[in-house]
C-alpha atoms as a PDB file:
ATOM      1  CA  MET A   1      -0.237   0.039   0.044  1.00  0.00           C
ATOM      2  CA  ARG A   2       1.381   3.258  -0.868  1.00  0.00           C
ATOM      3  CA  THR A   3       1.223   5.801   1.537  1.00  0.00           C
ATOM      4  CA  ALA A   4       0.853   9.569   0.814  1.00  0.00           C
ATOM      5  CA  PRO A   5       3.741  12.146   1.396  1.00  0.00           C
ATOM      6  CA  ALA A   6       3.657  14.074   4.594  1.00  0.00           C
ATOM      7  CA  PRO A   7       2.519  17.824   4.001  1.00  0.00           C
ATOM      8  CA  ARG A   8       5.615  20.408   3.843  1.00  0.00           C
ATOM      9  CA  GLY A   9       6.841  22.109   7.275  1.00  0.00           C
ATOM     10  CA  LEU A  10       6.414  25.911   7.582  1.00  0.00           C
ATOM     11  CA  VAL A  11      10.269  26.334   6.632  1.00  0.00           C
ATOM     12  CA  SER A  12      10.077  24.537   3.343  1.00  0.00           C
ATOM     13  CA  ARG A  13       6.619  25.955   2.498  1.00  0.00           C
ATOM     14  CA  SER A  14       7.695  29.675   3.349  1.00  0.00           C
ATOM     15  CA  VAL A  15      11.020  29.226   1.084  1.00  0.00           C
ATOM     16  CA  LEU A  16       8.758  27.762  -1.655  1.00  0.00           C
ATOM     17  CA  ALA A  17       5.958  30.505  -1.377  1.00  0.00           C
ATOM     18  CA  THR A  18       8.954  33.148  -1.067  1.00  0.00           C
ATOM     19  CA  LEU A  19      10.188  31.894  -4.179  1.00  0.00           C
ATOM     20  CA  ALA A  20       7.087  31.416  -6.166  1.00  0.00           C
ATOM     21  CA  PHE A  21       6.202  35.269  -5.092  1.00  0.00           C
ATOM     22  CA  LEU A  22       9.741  36.283  -6.682  1.00  0.00           C
ATOM     23  CA  LEU A  23       9.404  34.257  -9.566  1.00  0.00           C
ATOM     24  CA  VAL A  24       5.706  35.617 -10.002  1.00  0.00           C
ATOM     25  CA  VAL A  25       6.209  39.294  -9.164  1.00  0.00           C
ATOM     26  CA  VAL A  26       9.928  40.262 -10.156  1.00  0.00           C
ATOM     27  CA  PRO A  27       9.147  39.830 -13.757  1.00  0.00           C
ATOM     28  CA  GLY A  28       6.297  42.007 -13.390  1.00  0.00           C
ATOM     29  CA  TRP A  29       8.464  44.623 -12.113  1.00  0.00           C
ATOM     30  CA  LYS A  30      11.369  44.203 -14.550  1.00  0.00           C
ATOM     31  CA  LEU A  31       8.918  44.338 -17.593  1.00  0.00           C
ATOM     32  CA  GLY A  32       7.417  47.591 -15.933  1.00  0.00           C
ATOM     33  CA  ASP A  33      10.927  49.065 -15.767  1.00  0.00           C
ATOM     34  CA  LEU A  34      11.707  48.293 -19.383  1.00  0.00           C
ATOM     35  CA  VAL A  35       8.262  49.592 -20.533  1.00  0.00           C
ATOM     36  CA  ALA A  36       8.685  52.707 -18.600  1.00  0.00           C
ATOM     37  CA  GLY A  37      12.097  53.225 -20.075  1.00  0.00           C
ATOM     38  CA  TRP A  38      10.640  52.995 -23.579  1.00  0.00           C
ATOM     39  CA  THR A  39       7.861  55.213 -23.006  1.00  0.00           C
ATOM     40  CA  GLY A  40       9.282  57.450 -20.409  1.00  0.00           C
ATOM     41  CA  GLY A  41       6.317  57.366 -18.163  1.00  0.00           C
ATOM     42  CA  ASP A  42       6.180  56.017 -14.655  1.00  0.00           C
ATOM     43  CA  THR A  43       2.215  55.414 -14.896  1.00  0.00           C
ATOM     44  CA  VAL A  44       2.968  52.859 -17.671  1.00  0.00           C
ATOM     45  CA  ASP A  45       5.256  50.851 -15.043  1.00  0.00           C
ATOM     46  CA  TRP A  46       2.616  50.578 -12.400  1.00  0.00           C
ATOM     47  CA  VAL A  47       0.157  49.487 -15.308  1.00  0.00           C
ATOM     48  CA  VAL A  48       2.367  46.687 -16.485  1.00  0.00           C
ATOM     49  CA  THR A  49       3.460  45.518 -13.178  1.00  0.00           C
ATOM     50  CA  PHE A  50      -0.118  45.204 -11.923  1.00  0.00           C
ATOM     51  CA  ALA A  51      -1.342  43.876 -15.242  1.00  0.00           C
ATOM     52  CA  TRP A  52       1.211  41.010 -14.866  1.00  0.00           C
ATOM     53  CA  SER A  53       0.134  40.562 -11.200  1.00  0.00           C
ATOM     54  CA  GLY A  54      -3.294  40.074 -12.401  1.00  0.00           C
ATOM     55  CA  LEU A  55      -1.932  37.500 -15.010  1.00  0.00           C
ATOM     56  CA  ALA A  56      -0.422  35.736 -12.052  1.00  0.00           C
ATOM     57  CA  VAL A  57      -3.661  35.585 -10.336  1.00  0.00           C
ATOM     58  CA  ILE A  58      -5.508  33.968 -13.501  1.00  0.00           C
ATOM     59  CA  VAL A  59      -2.792  31.167 -13.767  1.00  0.00           C
ATOM     60  CA  LEU A  60      -2.696  30.367  -9.536  1.00  0.00           C
ATOM     61  CA  ALA A  61      -6.260  31.028  -8.696  1.00  0.00           C
ATOM     62  CA  PRO A  62      -7.953  27.883 -10.072  1.00  0.00           C
ATOM     63  CA  ARG A  63      -5.590  25.720  -7.841  1.00  0.00           C
ATOM     64  CA  THR A  64      -6.109  27.916  -4.384  1.00  0.00           C
ATOM     65  CA  SER A  65      -9.987  28.014  -4.234  1.00  0.00           C
ATOM     66  CA  TYR A  66     -10.050  31.399  -6.089  1.00  0.00           C
ATOM     67  CA  ARG A  67     -11.769  31.925  -9.484  1.00  0.00           C
ATOM     68  CA  ARG A  68     -10.002  33.240 -12.459  1.00  0.00           C
ATOM     69  CA  ARG A  69     -12.374  36.176 -12.466  1.00  0.00           C
ATOM     70  CA  ASP A  70     -10.651  37.284  -9.255  1.00  0.00           C
ATOM     71  CA  ALA A  71      -7.732  38.547 -11.447  1.00  0.00           C
ATOM     72  CA  TRP A  72      -9.323  41.977 -11.575  1.00  0.00           C
ATOM     73  CA  GLN A  73      -7.870  42.048  -7.828  1.00  0.00           C
ATOM     74  CA  GLY A  74      -4.709  41.472  -9.168  1.00  0.00           C
ATOM     75  CA  LEU A  75      -4.943  45.060 -10.916  1.00  0.00           C
ATOM     76  CA  VAL A  76      -5.457  46.857  -7.796  1.00  0.00           C
ATOM     77  CA  PRO A  77      -2.255  48.411  -6.614  1.00  0.00           C
ATOM     78  CA  LEU A  78      -0.630  46.906  -3.851  1.00  0.00           C
ATOM     79  CA  TRP A  79      -3.797  44.552  -3.086  1.00  0.00           C
ATOM     80  CA  GLY A  80      -2.627  42.742  -6.039  1.00  0.00           C
ATOM     81  CA  TRP A  81       0.636  41.455  -4.623  1.00  0.00           C
ATOM     82  CA  TYR A  82      -1.051  40.791  -1.300  1.00  0.00           C
ATOM     83  CA  LEU A  83      -3.582  38.571  -3.155  1.00  0.00           C
ATOM     84  CA  THR A  84      -0.475  36.841  -5.150  1.00  0.00           C
ATOM     85  CA  CYS A  85       1.345  36.498  -1.742  1.00  0.00           C
ATOM     86  CA  VAL A  86      -1.808  34.633  -0.868  1.00  0.00           C
ATOM     87  CA  LEU A  87      -2.150  32.525  -3.610  1.00  0.00           C
ATOM     88  CA  CYS A  88       1.737  31.660  -3.753  1.00  0.00           C
ATOM     89  CA  TRP A  89       1.383  30.448   0.128  1.00  0.00           C
ATOM     90  CA  ARG A  90      -1.521  28.254  -0.880  1.00  0.00           C
ATOM     91  CA  THR A  91       0.549  26.855  -3.790  1.00  0.00           C
ATOM     92  CA  ALA A  92       3.260  25.976  -1.761  1.00  0.00           C
ATOM     93  CA  LEU A  93       1.361  23.525   0.317  1.00  0.00           C
ATOM     94  CA  LEU A  94      -0.681  21.473  -2.567  1.00  0.00           C
ATOM     95  CA  PRO A  95      -1.369  18.824  -2.859  1.00  0.00           C
ATOM     96  CA  TYR A  96      -2.735  19.206   0.522  1.00  0.00           C
ATOM     97  CA  ARG A  97      -4.856  22.361   1.542  1.00  0.00           C
ATOM     98  CA  ASP A  98      -5.066  23.861   4.982  1.00  0.00           C
ATOM     99  CA  TRP A  99      -8.092  26.224   3.865  1.00  0.00           C
ATOM    100  CA  GLU A 100     -11.637  25.512   3.455  1.00  0.00           C
ATOM    101  CA  PRO A 101     -12.687  24.750  -0.050  1.00  0.00           C
ATOM    102  CA  ARG A 102     -15.427  26.911  -1.608  1.00  0.00           C
ATOM    103  CA  ALA A 103     -19.027  25.729  -1.671  1.00  0.00           C
ATOM    104  CA  ASP A 104     -18.576  24.632  -5.426  1.00  0.00           C
ATOM    105  CA  GLU A 105     -15.378  22.860  -4.677  1.00  0.00           C
ATOM    106  CA  LEU A 106     -16.833  20.525  -1.981  1.00  0.00           C
ATOM    107  CA  TRP A 107     -18.104  17.898  -4.230  1.00  0.00           C
ATOM    108  CA  ARG A 108     -14.395  16.930  -5.347  1.00  0.00           C
ATOM    109  CA  ALA A 109     -12.972  18.037  -1.899  1.00  0.00           C
ATOM    110  CA  ARG A 110     -12.271  15.555   1.004  1.00  0.00           C
ATOM    111  CA  TRP A 111     -11.437  16.172   4.616  1.00  0.00           C
ATOM    112  CA  LEU A 112      -8.295  14.153   5.416  1.00  0.00           C
ATOM    113  CA  THR A 113      -7.810  11.884   8.611  1.00  0.00           C
ATOM    114  CA  GLY A 114      -5.528   9.923  10.699  1.00  0.00           C
ATOM    115  CA  ASP A 115      -2.096  11.774  10.619  1.00  0.00           C
ATOM    116  CA  LEU A 116      -3.227  14.117   8.056  1.00  0.00           C
ATOM    117  CA  VAL A 117      -6.416  15.636  10.214  1.00  0.00           C
ATOM    118  CA  GLY A 118      -6.530  19.512   9.540  1.00  0.00           C
ATOM    119  CA  TYR A 119      -5.960  19.264   5.835  1.00  0.00           C
ATOM    120  CA  TRP A 120      -8.171  19.032   2.750  1.00  0.00           C
ATOM    121  CA  ARG A 121      -7.530  17.128  -0.552  1.00  0.00           C
ATOM    122  CA  ALA A 122      -9.249  18.179  -3.675  1.00  0.00           C
ATOM    123  CA  ASP A 123      -9.263  15.710  -6.379  1.00  0.00           C
ATOM    124  CA  PRO A 124      -8.236  16.709  -9.837  1.00  0.00           C
ATOM    125  CA  LEU A 125     -11.319  17.727 -11.932  1.00  0.00           C
ATOM    126  CA  PRO A 126     -12.403  14.572 -14.023  1.00  0.00           C
ATOM    127  CA  GLY A 127     -11.691  14.522 -17.985  1.00  0.00           C
ATOM    128  CA  PRO A 128     -14.892  15.621 -20.318  1.00  0.00           C
ATOM    129  CA  PRO A 129     -17.418  13.098 -20.397  1.00  0.00           C
ATOM    130  CA  SER A 130     -17.534  10.535 -23.116  1.00  0.00           C
ATOM    131  CA  ARG A 131     -19.995  11.265 -25.672  1.00  0.00           C
ATOM    132  CA  PRO A 132     -21.880   8.460 -27.137  1.00  0.00           C
ATOM    133  CA  GLY A 133     -22.633   8.279 -30.945  1.00  0.00           C
ATOM    134  CA  ARG A 134     -25.259  10.633 -31.925  1.00  0.00           C
ATOM    135  CA  LEU A 135     -28.959   9.525 -31.760  1.00  0.00           C
ATOM    136  CA  ARG A 136     -31.074   9.931 -34.803  1.00  0.00           C
ATOM    137  CA  ALA A 137     -34.503  10.346 -34.773  1.00  0.00           C
ATOM    138  CA  GLY A 138     -36.444   6.972 -34.299  1.00  0.00           C
ATOM    139  CA  SER A 139     -33.195   5.363 -33.651  1.00  0.00           C
ATOM    140  CA  GLY A 140     -34.591   4.397 -30.119  1.00  0.00           C
ATOM    141  CA  ARG A 141     -37.453   2.314 -31.797  1.00  0.00           C
ATOM    142  CA  ALA A 142     -37.283  -1.443 -32.603  1.00  0.00           C
ATOM    143  CA  GLY A 143     -35.701  -1.542 -36.067  1.00  0.00           C
ATOM    144  CA  GLY A 144     -35.038   1.879 -36.350  1.00  0.00           C
ATOM    145  CA  ARG A 145     -38.031   3.146 -38.437  1.00  0.00           C
ATOM    146  CA  PRO A 146     -39.906   6.082 -38.054  1.00  0.00           C
ATOM    147  CA  THR A 147     -43.648   5.784 -37.601  1.00  0.00           C
ATOM    148  CA  ARG A 148     -45.947   7.243 -40.188  1.00  0.00           C
END
């Protein structure tokens, strides 16, 4: 029987979250600096930086109990970095979760027991359902002939 790995400890989770945050935010800062240098406008720097933060929210949100539509919050100055930080913190613990799933995620989430009490686990979304062949009118009748 295969046992599940233990959740990450505080130190390793903190290091992973910090690295993820830096990998998500620093490119936005650098891209904003480059665009500001090309255009000569400091406002453009902020716009590009927070647009990048919104993009990070789009990528990280579905895995961390946020919705992609929450990406507009990534565009809000400073709040976007805070939200990105929260998402990186949550991402660093995956596949386990120490936060309660949203109501629309409960169908695929399960509360863990035993040594993992206090954690949730969300199973990956199932693939698209298989589509049976198309049914034609009258094909459900015996002989497949339509009635007159």
